[in-house]
Amino acid sequence: QMLLTFVWLTCLLSEIDIAQAQDLSKLLT
């Protein structure tokens, strides 16, 4: 859960697309 939160915050701050953030979070989990 902590890893997912970190990924989402990083994506929001770096303006990464939401879909890319979903793919990245699922890949990490």
PDB file of all heavy atoms in Angstrom:
ATOM      1  N   GLN A   1       0.831  -1.205   0.000  1.00  0.00           N
ATOM      2  CA  GLN A   1       0.000   0.000   0.000  1.00  0.00           C
ATOM      3  C   GLN A   1       0.867   1.258   0.000  1.00  0.00           C
ATOM      4  O   GLN A   1       0.567   2.233  -0.687  1.00  0.00           O
ATOM      5  CB  GLN A   1      -0.917  -0.010   1.231  1.00  0.00           C
ATOM      6  CG  GLN A   1      -1.924   1.125   1.231  1.00  0.00           C
ATOM      7  CD  GLN A   1      -2.910   1.015   0.092  1.00  0.00           C
ATOM      8  OE1 GLN A   1      -3.212  -0.082  -0.377  1.00  0.00           O
ATOM      9  NE2 GLN A   1      -3.413   2.147  -0.380  1.00  0.00           N
ATOM     10  N   MET A   2       1.945   1.243   0.778  1.00  0.00           N
ATOM     11  CA  MET A   2       2.871   2.380   0.805  1.00  0.00           C
ATOM     12  C   MET A   2       3.517   2.583  -0.549  1.00  0.00           C
ATOM     13  O   MET A   2       3.714   3.715  -1.019  1.00  0.00           O
ATOM     14  CB  MET A   2       3.932   2.167   1.881  1.00  0.00           C
ATOM     15  CG  MET A   2       3.394   2.172   3.306  1.00  0.00           C
ATOM     16  SD  MET A   2       4.667   1.834   4.520  1.00  0.00           S
ATOM     17  CE  MET A   2       5.762   3.210   4.202  1.00  0.00           C
ATOM     18  N   LEU A   3       3.874   1.485  -1.221  1.00  0.00           N
ATOM     19  CA  LEU A   3       4.483   1.580  -2.547  1.00  0.00           C
ATOM     20  C   LEU A   3       3.515   2.180  -3.555  1.00  0.00           C
ATOM     21  O   LEU A   3       3.878   3.026  -4.388  1.00  0.00           O
ATOM     22  CB  LEU A   3       4.931   0.188  -2.994  1.00  0.00           C
ATOM     23  CG  LEU A   3       5.724   0.106  -4.311  1.00  0.00           C
ATOM     24  CD1 LEU A   3       6.999   0.917  -4.196  1.00  0.00           C
ATOM     25  CD2 LEU A   3       6.047  -1.345  -4.652  1.00  0.00           C
ATOM     26  N   LEU A   4       2.234   1.780  -3.478  1.00  0.00           N
ATOM     27  CA  LEU A   4       1.223   2.349  -4.374  1.00  0.00           C
ATOM     28  C   LEU A   4       1.054   3.840  -4.152  1.00  0.00           C
ATOM     29  O   LEU A   4       0.963   4.633  -5.099  1.00  0.00           O
ATOM     30  CB  LEU A   4      -0.114   1.631  -4.152  1.00  0.00           C
ATOM     31  CG  LEU A   4      -0.283   0.258  -4.821  1.00  0.00           C
ATOM     32  CD1 LEU A   4      -1.561  -0.392  -4.343  1.00  0.00           C
ATOM     33  CD2 LEU A   4      -0.281   0.396  -6.325  1.00  0.00           C
ATOM     34  N   THR A   5       0.996   4.248  -2.887  1.00  0.00           N
ATOM     35  CA  THR A   5       0.846   5.678  -2.573  1.00  0.00           C
ATOM     36  C   THR A   5       2.016   6.482  -3.110  1.00  0.00           C
ATOM     37  O   THR A   5       1.845   7.566  -3.681  1.00  0.00           O
ATOM     38  CB  THR A   5       0.742   5.860  -1.048  1.00  0.00           C
ATOM     39  OG1 THR A   5      -0.329   5.070  -0.559  1.00  0.00           O
ATOM     40  CG2 THR A   5       0.508   7.328  -0.696  1.00  0.00           C
ATOM     41  N   PHE A   6       3.221   5.939  -2.970  1.00  0.00           N
ATOM     42  CA  PHE A   6       4.407   6.640  -3.476  1.00  0.00           C
ATOM     43  C   PHE A   6       4.350   6.802  -4.985  1.00  0.00           C
ATOM     44  O   PHE A   6       4.681   7.854  -5.547  1.00  0.00           O
ATOM     45  CB  PHE A   6       5.659   5.871  -3.056  1.00  0.00           C
ATOM     46  CG  PHE A   6       6.939   6.426  -3.639  1.00  0.00           C
ATOM     47  CD1 PHE A   6       7.498   7.593  -3.124  1.00  0.00           C
ATOM     48  CD2 PHE A   6       7.571   5.807  -4.700  1.00  0.00           C
ATOM     49  CE1 PHE A   6       8.659   8.114  -3.669  1.00  0.00           C
ATOM     50  CE2 PHE A   6       8.726   6.324  -5.241  1.00  0.00           C
ATOM     51  CZ  PHE A   6       9.274   7.479  -4.727  1.00  0.00           C
ATOM     52  N   VAL A   7       3.910   5.756  -5.679  1.00  0.00           N
ATOM     53  CA  VAL A   7       3.821   5.807  -7.144  1.00  0.00           C
ATOM     54  C   VAL A   7       2.834   6.866  -7.590  1.00  0.00           C
ATOM     55  O   VAL A   7       3.098   7.672  -8.479  1.00  0.00           O
ATOM     56  CB  VAL A   7       3.436   4.415  -7.696  1.00  0.00           C
ATOM     57  CG1 VAL A   7       3.076   4.505  -9.176  1.00  0.00           C
ATOM     58  CG2 VAL A   7       4.581   3.445  -7.478  1.00  0.00           C
ATOM     59  N   TRP A   8       1.654   6.897  -6.956  1.00  0.00           N
ATOM     60  CA  TRP A   8       0.634   7.881  -7.338  1.00  0.00           C
ATOM     61  C   TRP A   8       1.104   9.306  -7.077  1.00  0.00           C
ATOM     62  O   TRP A   8       0.891  10.204  -7.895  1.00  0.00           O
ATOM     63  CB  TRP A   8      -0.659   7.599  -6.584  1.00  0.00           C
ATOM     64  CG  TRP A   8      -1.479   6.526  -7.220  1.00  0.00           C
ATOM     65  CD1 TRP A   8      -1.582   5.236  -6.851  1.00  0.00           C
ATOM     66  CD2 TRP A   8      -2.284   6.663  -8.388  1.00  0.00           C
ATOM     67  NE1 TRP A   8      -2.404   4.526  -7.694  1.00  0.00           N
ATOM     68  CE2 TRP A   8      -2.861   5.387  -8.655  1.00  0.00           C
ATOM     69  CE3 TRP A   8      -2.591   7.714  -9.242  1.00  0.00           C
ATOM     70  CZ2 TRP A   8      -3.712   5.156  -9.711  1.00  0.00           C
ATOM     71  CZ3 TRP A   8      -3.458   7.489 -10.294  1.00  0.00           C
ATOM     72  CH2 TRP A   8      -4.001   6.210 -10.526  1.00  0.00           C
ATOM     73  N   LEU A   9       1.721   9.561  -5.933  1.00  0.00           N
ATOM     74  CA  LEU A   9       2.221  10.914  -5.642  1.00  0.00           C
ATOM     75  C   LEU A   9       3.299  11.325  -6.630  1.00  0.00           C
ATOM     76  O   LEU A   9       3.334  12.470  -7.099  1.00  0.00           O
ATOM     77  CB  LEU A   9       2.768  10.976  -4.213  1.00  0.00           C
ATOM     78  CG  LEU A   9       1.723  10.903  -3.101  1.00  0.00           C
ATOM     79  CD1 LEU A   9       2.409  10.857  -1.744  1.00  0.00           C
ATOM     80  CD2 LEU A   9       0.788  12.103  -3.172  1.00  0.00           C
ATOM     81  N   THR A  10       4.189  10.408  -6.971  1.00  0.00           N
ATOM     82  CA  THR A  10       5.251  10.715  -7.931  1.00  0.00           C
ATOM     83  C   THR A  10       4.677  11.051  -9.286  1.00  0.00           C
ATOM     84  O   THR A  10       5.096  11.992  -9.964  1.00  0.00           O
ATOM     85  CB  THR A  10       6.215   9.529  -8.039  1.00  0.00           C
ATOM     86  OG1 THR A  10       6.701   9.212  -6.743  1.00  0.00           O
ATOM     87  CG2 THR A  10       7.390   9.869  -8.946  1.00  0.00           C
ATOM     88  N   CYS A  11       3.669  10.325  -9.687  1.00  0.00           N
ATOM     89  CA  CYS A  11       3.048  10.569 -10.996  1.00  0.00           C
ATOM     90  C   CYS A  11       2.332  11.901 -11.034  1.00  0.00           C
ATOM     91  O   CYS A  11       2.389  12.628 -12.023  1.00  0.00           O
ATOM     92  CB  CYS A  11       2.068   9.438 -11.335  1.00  0.00           C
ATOM     93  SG  CYS A  11       2.864   7.836 -11.610  1.00  0.00           S
ATOM     94  N   LEU A  12       1.655  12.240  -9.948  1.00  0.00           N
ATOM     95  CA  LEU A  12       0.945  13.519  -9.911  1.00  0.00           C
ATOM     96  C   LEU A  12       1.907  14.681  -9.954  1.00  0.00           C
ATOM     97  O   LEU A  12       1.675  15.686 -10.627  1.00  0.00           O
ATOM     98  CB  LEU A  12       0.075  13.601  -8.655  1.00  0.00           C
ATOM     99  CG  LEU A  12      -1.166  12.690  -8.648  1.00  0.00           C
ATOM    100  CD1 LEU A  12      -1.854  12.785  -7.297  1.00  0.00           C
ATOM    101  CD2 LEU A  12      -2.116  13.095  -9.753  1.00  0.00           C
ATOM    102  N   LEU A  13       3.021  14.599  -9.205  1.00  0.00           N
ATOM    103  CA  LEU A  13       3.983  15.700  -9.168  1.00  0.00           C
ATOM    104  C   LEU A  13       4.709  15.855 -10.490  1.00  0.00           C
ATOM    105  O   LEU A  13       5.109  16.950 -10.865  1.00  0.00           O
ATOM    106  CB  LEU A  13       4.992  15.483  -8.037  1.00  0.00           C
ATOM    107  CG  LEU A  13       4.411  15.572  -6.618  1.00  0.00           C
ATOM    108  CD1 LEU A  13       5.473  15.226  -5.585  1.00  0.00           C
ATOM    109  CD2 LEU A  13       3.867  16.968  -6.357  1.00  0.00           C
ATOM    110  N   SER A  14       4.938  14.759 -11.197  1.00  0.00           N
ATOM    111  CA  SER A  14       5.661  14.829 -12.470  1.00  0.00           C
ATOM    112  C   SER A  14       4.736  14.911 -13.660  1.00  0.00           C
ATOM    113  O   SER A  14       5.175  14.839 -14.804  1.00  0.00           O
ATOM    114  CB  SER A  14       6.572  13.608 -12.605  1.00  0.00           C
ATOM    115  OG  SER A  14       5.806  12.423 -12.531  1.00  0.00           O
ATOM    116  N   GLU A  15       3.393  15.042 -13.398  1.00  0.00           N
ATOM    117  CA  GLU A  15       2.391  15.207 -14.444  1.00  0.00           C
ATOM    118  C   GLU A  15       2.362  14.029 -15.420  1.00  0.00           C
ATOM    119  O   GLU A  15       2.211  14.188 -16.626  1.00  0.00           O
ATOM    120  CB  GLU A  15       2.612  16.517 -15.206  1.00  0.00           C
ATOM    121  CG  GLU A  15       2.462  17.734 -14.316  1.00  0.00           C
ATOM    122  CD  GLU A  15       2.646  19.011 -15.084  1.00  0.00           C
ATOM    123  OE1 GLU A  15       2.979  18.936 -16.270  1.00  0.00           O
ATOM    124  OE2 GLU A  15       2.451  20.073 -14.483  1.00  0.00           O
ATOM    125  N   ILE A  16       2.566  12.781 -14.892  1.00  0.00           N
ATOM    126  CA  ILE A  16       2.460  11.581 -15.732  1.00  0.00           C
ATOM    127  C   ILE A  16       0.986  11.273 -15.959  1.00  0.00           C
ATOM    128  O   ILE A  16       0.153  11.489 -15.083  1.00  0.00           O
ATOM    129  CB  ILE A  16       3.177  10.391 -15.055  1.00  0.00           C
ATOM    130  CG1 ILE A  16       4.672  10.712 -14.913  1.00  0.00           C
ATOM    131  CG2 ILE A  16       2.981   9.100 -15.811  1.00  0.00           C
ATOM    132  CD1 ILE A  16       5.455   9.639 -14.215  1.00  0.00           C
ATOM    133  N   ASP A  17       0.669  10.756 -17.096  1.00  0.00           N
ATOM    134  CA  ASP A  17      -0.718  10.442 -17.411  1.00  0.00           C
ATOM    135  C   ASP A  17      -1.283   9.429 -16.420  1.00  0.00           C
ATOM    136  O   ASP A  17      -0.570   8.541 -15.938  1.00  0.00           O
ATOM    137  CB  ASP A  17      -0.791   9.878 -18.843  1.00  0.00           C
ATOM    138  CG  ASP A  17      -2.222   9.758 -19.292  1.00  0.00           C
ATOM    139  OD1 ASP A  17      -2.741  10.770 -19.807  1.00  0.00           O
ATOM    140  OD2 ASP A  17      -2.796   8.676 -19.123  1.00  0.00           O
ATOM    141  N   ILE A  18      -2.572   9.546 -16.103  1.00  0.00           N
ATOM    142  CA  ILE A  18      -3.215   8.670 -15.127  1.00  0.00           C
ATOM    143  C   ILE A  18      -3.151   7.212 -15.572  1.00  0.00           C
ATOM    144  O   ILE A  18      -2.913   6.302 -14.762  1.00  0.00           O
ATOM    145  CB  ILE A  18      -4.675   9.090 -14.906  1.00  0.00           C
ATOM    146  CG1 ILE A  18      -4.727  10.515 -14.349  1.00  0.00           C
ATOM    147  CG2 ILE A  18      -5.393   8.144 -13.954  1.00  0.00           C
ATOM    148  CD1 ILE A  18      -4.049  10.654 -13.008  1.00  0.00           C
ATOM    149  N   ALA A  19      -3.373   7.005 -16.849  1.00  0.00           N
ATOM    150  CA  ALA A  19      -3.333   5.624 -17.350  1.00  0.00           C
ATOM    151  C   ALA A  19      -1.950   5.016 -17.161  1.00  0.00           C
ATOM    152  O   ALA A  19      -1.809   3.852 -16.791  1.00  0.00           O
ATOM    153  CB  ALA A  19      -3.737   5.595 -18.830  1.00  0.00           C
ATOM    154  N   GLN A  20      -0.899   5.800 -17.434  1.00  0.00           N
ATOM    155  CA  GLN A  20       0.459   5.312 -17.214  1.00  0.00           C
ATOM    156  C   GLN A  20       0.696   5.021 -15.742  1.00  0.00           C
ATOM    157  O   GLN A  20       1.403   4.082 -15.380  1.00  0.00           O
ATOM    158  CB  GLN A  20       1.465   6.343 -17.727  1.00  0.00           C
ATOM    159  CG  GLN A  20       1.392   6.548 -19.230  1.00  0.00           C
ATOM    160  CD  GLN A  20       2.376   7.612 -19.693  1.00  0.00           C
ATOM    161  OE1 GLN A  20       3.070   8.198 -18.886  1.00  0.00           O
ATOM    162  NE2 GLN A  20       2.425   7.840 -20.993  1.00  0.00           N
ATOM    163  N   ALA A  21       0.123   5.858 -14.864  1.00  0.00           N
ATOM    164  CA  ALA A  21       0.277   5.627 -13.431  1.00  0.00           C
ATOM    165  C   ALA A  21      -0.388   4.316 -13.030  1.00  0.00           C
ATOM    166  O   ALA A  21       0.144   3.561 -12.207  1.00  0.00           O
ATOM    167  CB  ALA A  21      -0.328   6.786 -12.649  1.00  0.00           C
ATOM    168  N   GLN A  22      -1.552   4.019 -13.603  1.00  0.00           N
ATOM    169  CA  GLN A  22      -2.226   2.763 -13.296  1.00  0.00           C
ATOM    170  C   GLN A  22      -1.397   1.574 -13.753  1.00  0.00           C
ATOM    171  O   GLN A  22      -1.236   0.582 -13.019  1.00  0.00           O
ATOM    172  CB  GLN A  22      -3.601   2.742 -13.965  1.00  0.00           C
ATOM    173  CG  GLN A  22      -4.592   3.755 -13.387  1.00  0.00           C
ATOM    174  CD  GLN A  22      -5.882   3.779 -14.158  1.00  0.00           C
ATOM    175  OE1 GLN A  22      -5.959   3.275 -15.272  1.00  0.00           O
ATOM    176  NE2 GLN A  22      -6.903   4.377 -13.560  1.00  0.00           N
ATOM    177  N   ASP A  23      -0.852   1.666 -14.958  1.00  0.00           N
ATOM    178  CA  ASP A  23      -0.022   0.570 -15.460  1.00  0.00           C
ATOM    179  C   ASP A  23       1.194   0.356 -14.586  1.00  0.00           C
ATOM    180  O   ASP A  23       1.573  -0.775 -14.282  1.00  0.00           O
ATOM    181  CB  ASP A  23       0.409   0.861 -16.905  1.00  0.00           C
ATOM    182  CG  ASP A  23      -0.787   0.893 -17.847  1.00  0.00           C
ATOM    183  OD1 ASP A  23      -1.856   0.357 -17.460  1.00  0.00           O
ATOM    184  OD2 ASP A  23      -0.647   1.467 -18.945  1.00  0.00           O
ATOM    185  N   LEU A  24       1.832   1.479 -14.182  1.00  0.00           N
ATOM    186  CA  LEU A  24       3.045   1.379 -13.371  1.00  0.00           C
ATOM    187  C   LEU A  24       2.746   0.785 -11.997  1.00  0.00           C
ATOM    188  O   LEU A  24       3.486  -0.055 -11.489  1.00  0.00           O
ATOM    189  CB  LEU A  24       3.672   2.771 -13.217  1.00  0.00           C
ATOM    190  CG  LEU A  24       4.995   2.838 -12.411  1.00  0.00           C
ATOM    191  CD1 LEU A  24       6.052   1.949 -13.063  1.00  0.00           C
ATOM    192  CD2 LEU A  24       5.476   4.278 -12.319  1.00  0.00           C
ATOM    193  N   SER A  25       1.629   1.206 -11.383  1.00  0.00           N
ATOM    194  CA  SER A  25       1.282   0.695 -10.067  1.00  0.00           C
ATOM    195  C   SER A  25       0.952  -0.788 -10.116  1.00  0.00           C
ATOM    196  O   SER A  25       1.330  -1.559  -9.239  1.00  0.00           O
ATOM    197  CB  SER A  25       0.106   1.478  -9.494  1.00  0.00           C
ATOM    198  OG  SER A  25      -1.023   1.315 -10.314  1.00  0.00           O
ATOM    199  N   LYS A  26       0.234  -1.193 -11.160  1.00  0.00           N
ATOM    200  CA  LYS A  26      -0.089  -2.606 -11.285  1.00  0.00           C
ATOM    201  C   LYS A  26       1.138  -3.445 -11.552  1.00  0.00           C
ATOM    202  O   LYS A  26       1.259  -4.586 -11.094  1.00  0.00           O
ATOM    203  CB  LYS A  26      -1.130  -2.804 -12.389  1.00  0.00           C
ATOM    204  CG  LYS A  26      -2.500  -2.243 -12.034  1.00  0.00           C
ATOM    205  CD  LYS A  26      -3.495  -2.492 -13.145  1.00  0.00           C
ATOM    206  CE  LYS A  26      -4.865  -1.942 -12.766  1.00  0.00           C
ATOM    207  NZ  LYS A  26      -5.867  -2.165 -13.831  1.00  0.00           N
ATOM    208  N   LEU A  27       2.078  -2.880 -12.306  1.00  0.00           N
ATOM    209  CA  LEU A  27       3.315  -3.594 -12.575  1.00  0.00           C
ATOM    210  C   LEU A  27       4.122  -3.812 -11.299  1.00  0.00           C
ATOM    211  O   LEU A  27       4.677  -4.867 -11.055  1.00  0.00           O
ATOM    212  CB  LEU A  27       4.141  -2.828 -13.622  1.00  0.00           C
ATOM    213  CG  LEU A  27       5.491  -3.475 -14.007  1.00  0.00           C
ATOM    214  CD1 LEU A  27       5.246  -4.850 -14.665  1.00  0.00           C
ATOM    215  CD2 LEU A  27       6.257  -2.558 -14.965  1.00  0.00           C
ATOM    216  N   LEU A  28       4.171  -2.772 -10.454  1.00  0.00           N
ATOM    217  CA  LEU A  28       4.930  -2.872  -9.208  1.00  0.00           C
ATOM    218  C   LEU A  28       4.277  -3.820  -8.221  1.00  0.00           C
ATOM    219  O   LEU A  28       4.964  -4.476  -7.418  1.00  0.00           O
ATOM    220  CB  LEU A  28       5.077  -1.486  -8.582  1.00  0.00           C
ATOM    221  CG  LEU A  28       5.986  -0.508  -9.337  1.00  0.00           C
ATOM    222  CD1 LEU A  28       5.917   0.860  -8.682  1.00  0.00           C
ATOM    223  CD2 LEU A  28       7.421  -1.011  -9.358  1.00  0.00           C
ATOM    224  N   THR A  29       2.952  -3.901  -8.236  1.00  0.00           N
ATOM    225  CA  THR A  29       2.257  -4.761  -7.286  1.00  0.00           C
ATOM    226  C   THR A  29       2.118  -6.190  -7.782  1.00  0.00           C
ATOM    227  O   THR A  29       1.594  -7.053  -7.078  1.00  0.00           O
ATOM    228  CB  THR A  29       0.868  -4.201  -6.993  1.00  0.00           C
ATOM    229  OG1 THR A  29       0.163  -4.039  -8.215  1.00  0.00           O
ATOM    230  CG2 THR A  29       0.972  -2.855  -6.296  1.00  0.00           C
TER     231      THR A  29
END
